[in-house]
């Protein structure tokens, strides 16, 4: 329950601080791997974050998938492949990133470290489409891993 309260704070209070803030709404699907009593879930959620530097952001997320609540807290680390190649082939709107954090499932209490990759495609300076793929491993309980895919619409302030 404490983790849920921390993520709730991140989603709703953290964006009040810092310079670069963002919120997004998402569609998410969860695919468990080698889980005895868990099936695939699909649903939606919201996330909010704040940039700590040009390349690093911290965000909190709450998702509801088929009447189960998921919460996550993660760092988002942007990387540039090669600016010359990006400019040469016109990928100025494409922005890849890595994620690292903690993902938790309620009310079952399962949690574990999460890592993933994703990319933004900027529609404008303030709006972006975002796709994430992540894996939560070392889950407490009877699952080996949980894979998630999310598609989001994000608004920056």
Protein backbone atom coordinates (compact mmCIF):
# COMPACT_ATOMS: atom_id res chain seq x y z
CA UNK A 1 0.00 0.00 0.00
CA UNK A 2 2.91 2.36 0.67
CA UNK A 3 4.21 1.88 -2.88
CA UNK A 4 0.73 2.71 -4.23
CA UNK A 5 0.73 5.95 -2.20
CA UNK A 6 4.18 6.91 -3.52
CA UNK A 7 3.12 6.33 -7.13
CA UNK A 8 -0.11 8.26 -6.53
CA UNK A 9 2.03 11.17 -5.27
CA UNK A 10 4.27 10.93 -8.33
CA UNK A 11 1.38 10.91 -10.77
CA UNK A 12 -0.49 13.85 -9.25
CA UNK A 13 1.95 15.96 -7.20
CA UNK A 14 5.41 15.60 -8.76
CA UNK A 15 4.45 17.36 -12.01
CA UNK A 16 3.83 20.51 -9.97
CA UNK A 17 7.61 20.77 -9.44
CA UNK A 18 10.41 21.08 -11.97
CA UNK A 19 10.63 22.66 -15.39
CA UNK A 20 9.74 20.01 -17.98
CA UNK A 21 6.52 18.24 -17.06
CA UNK A 22 4.33 15.85 -18.97
CA UNK A 23 1.22 13.73 -18.68
CA UNK A 24 0.03 10.90 -20.88
CA UNK A 25 -2.92 8.59 -21.35
CA UNK A 26 -2.32 5.06 -22.57
CA UNK A 27 -3.64 1.75 -23.75
CA UNK A 28 -1.66 -1.11 -22.22
CA UNK A 29 -1.58 -4.88 -22.50
CA UNK A 30 0.18 -7.22 -20.08
CA UNK A 31 1.41 -10.67 -21.14
CA UNK A 32 2.53 -12.96 -18.28
CA UNK A 33 5.24 -15.55 -18.89
CA UNK A 34 5.07 -18.96 -17.13
CA UNK A 35 2.35 -17.86 -14.71
CA UNK A 36 0.04 -20.46 -13.26
CA UNK A 37 -3.01 -18.35 -12.44
CA UNK A 38 -2.46 -15.11 -14.37
CA UNK A 39 -3.74 -14.35 -17.84
CA UNK A 40 -3.29 -11.49 -20.28
CA UNK A 41 -4.77 -8.15 -19.24
CA UNK A 42 -5.65 -5.12 -21.35
CA UNK A 43 -6.69 -1.69 -20.16
CA UNK A 44 -5.77 1.95 -19.85
CA UNK A 45 -3.87 4.25 -17.60
CA UNK A 46 -2.29 7.61 -17.00
CA UNK A 47 1.23 8.74 -16.19
CA UNK A 48 2.86 11.99 -15.19
CA UNK A 49 6.50 12.90 -15.02
CA UNK A 50 9.07 15.59 -14.63
CA UNK A 51 12.41 16.04 -16.40
CA UNK A 52 15.39 16.16 -14.08
CA UNK A 53 17.72 17.04 -17.01
CA UNK A 54 17.56 17.18 -20.82
CA UNK A 55 17.83 13.40 -21.09
CA UNK A 56 16.43 11.98 -17.81
CA UNK A 57 12.85 12.07 -16.55
CA UNK A 58 11.15 10.45 -13.58
CA UNK A 59 7.52 9.32 -13.88
CA UNK A 60 4.75 7.57 -12.03
CA UNK A 61 1.99 5.56 -13.66
CA UNK A 62 -1.34 4.09 -12.62
CA UNK A 63 -3.10 1.62 -14.92
CA UNK A 64 -6.40 -0.20 -14.57
CA UNK A 65 -6.63 -3.45 -16.49
CA UNK A 66 -9.79 -5.51 -16.10
CA UNK A 67 -10.54 -4.31 -12.56
CA UNK A 68 -6.95 -4.73 -11.34
CA UNK A 69 -4.80 -1.73 -10.47
CA UNK A 70 -1.16 -1.54 -11.54
CA UNK A 71 1.29 1.11 -10.39
CA UNK A 72 4.81 1.86 -11.61
CA UNK A 73 7.58 4.33 -10.90
CA UNK A 74 10.41 4.60 -13.41
CA UNK A 75 13.25 6.65 -14.82
CA UNK A 76 13.12 7.45 -18.54
CA UNK A 77 16.54 7.95 -20.13
CA UNK A 78 16.61 9.37 -23.66
CA UNK A 79 19.47 8.59 -26.00
CA UNK A 80 20.48 9.91 -29.40
CA UNK A 81 21.87 7.37 -31.83
CA UNK A 82 23.89 9.77 -33.96
CA UNK A 83 22.61 13.28 -34.60
CA UNK A 84 24.13 13.32 -38.08
CA UNK A 85 22.24 10.17 -39.09
CA UNK A 86 19.05 11.45 -37.47
CA UNK A 87 19.27 14.68 -39.46
CA UNK A 88 20.36 12.99 -42.68
CA UNK A 89 17.40 10.60 -42.75
CA UNK A 90 14.85 13.01 -41.24
CA UNK A 91 14.36 11.35 -37.86
CA UNK A 92 14.28 14.63 -35.95
CA UNK A 93 10.84 13.78 -34.53
CA UNK A 94 11.88 10.28 -33.43
CA UNK A 95 13.22 10.04 -29.85
CA UNK A 96 14.20 6.60 -28.44
CA UNK A 97 14.56 5.91 -24.71
CA UNK A 98 15.28 3.27 -22.05
CA UNK A 99 13.26 2.81 -18.86
CA UNK A 100 14.23 1.39 -15.49
CA UNK A 101 11.99 1.23 -12.44
CA UNK A 102 9.61 -0.77 -10.26
CA UNK A 103 6.27 -2.19 -11.34
CA UNK A 104 3.66 -3.44 -8.87
CA UNK A 105 0.30 -5.22 -9.11
CA UNK A 106 -2.50 -4.60 -6.63
CA UNK A 107 -4.31 -6.07 -4.74
CA UNK A 108 -2.18 -9.24 -5.16
CA UNK A 109 0.95 -7.45 -3.98
CA UNK A 110 3.20 -8.79 -6.73
CA UNK A 111 6.05 -6.46 -7.67
CA UNK A 112 9.42 -6.51 -9.34
CA UNK A 113 12.04 -4.47 -11.20
CA UNK A 114 11.01 -3.25 -14.63
CA UNK A 115 13.17 -2.40 -17.63
CA UNK A 116 12.18 -1.49 -21.16
CA UNK A 117 12.68 0.44 -24.35
CA UNK A 118 10.46 2.78 -26.27
CA UNK A 119 10.26 5.75 -28.55
CA UNK A 120 8.46 9.04 -28.97
CA UNK A 121 7.24 10.40 -32.27
CA UNK A 122 6.68 14.14 -31.82
CA UNK A 123 3.56 15.49 -33.52
CA UNK A 124 4.40 19.02 -32.37
CA UNK A 125 6.50 20.66 -29.66
CA UNK A 126 3.90 19.72 -27.01
CA UNK A 127 2.27 16.53 -28.30
CA UNK A 128 3.83 13.11 -28.93
CA UNK A 129 2.89 9.52 -29.59
CA UNK A 130 4.79 7.10 -27.38
CA UNK A 131 5.27 3.35 -27.60
CA UNK A 132 6.80 1.31 -24.75
CA UNK A 133 7.82 -2.28 -24.41
CA UNK A 134 8.86 -3.46 -20.95
CA UNK A 135 9.56 -6.53 -18.89
CA UNK A 136 9.03 -6.95 -15.17
CA UNK A 137 11.23 -9.72 -13.80
CA UNK A 138 11.87 -11.18 -10.36
CA UNK A 139 8.21 -10.89 -9.48
CA UNK A 140 7.19 -11.95 -5.99
CA UNK A 141 4.82 -14.87 -6.44
CA UNK A 142 4.37 -17.49 -9.11
CA UNK A 143 5.34 -15.62 -12.33
CA UNK A 144 8.72 -15.66 -14.06
CA UNK A 145 8.17 -12.38 -15.90
CA UNK A 146 5.48 -10.07 -17.21
CA UNK A 147 5.81 -8.32 -20.55
CA UNK A 148 3.92 -5.10 -21.26
CA UNK A 149 3.29 -3.07 -24.39
CA UNK A 150 1.78 0.42 -24.19
CA UNK A 151 0.73 3.05 -26.70
CA UNK A 152 0.34 6.58 -25.32
CA UNK A 153 -0.58 10.10 -26.27
CA UNK A 154 1.60 12.53 -24.32
CA UNK A 155 1.29 16.25 -23.62
CA UNK A 156 4.30 18.27 -22.44
CA UNK A 157 4.06 21.57 -20.52
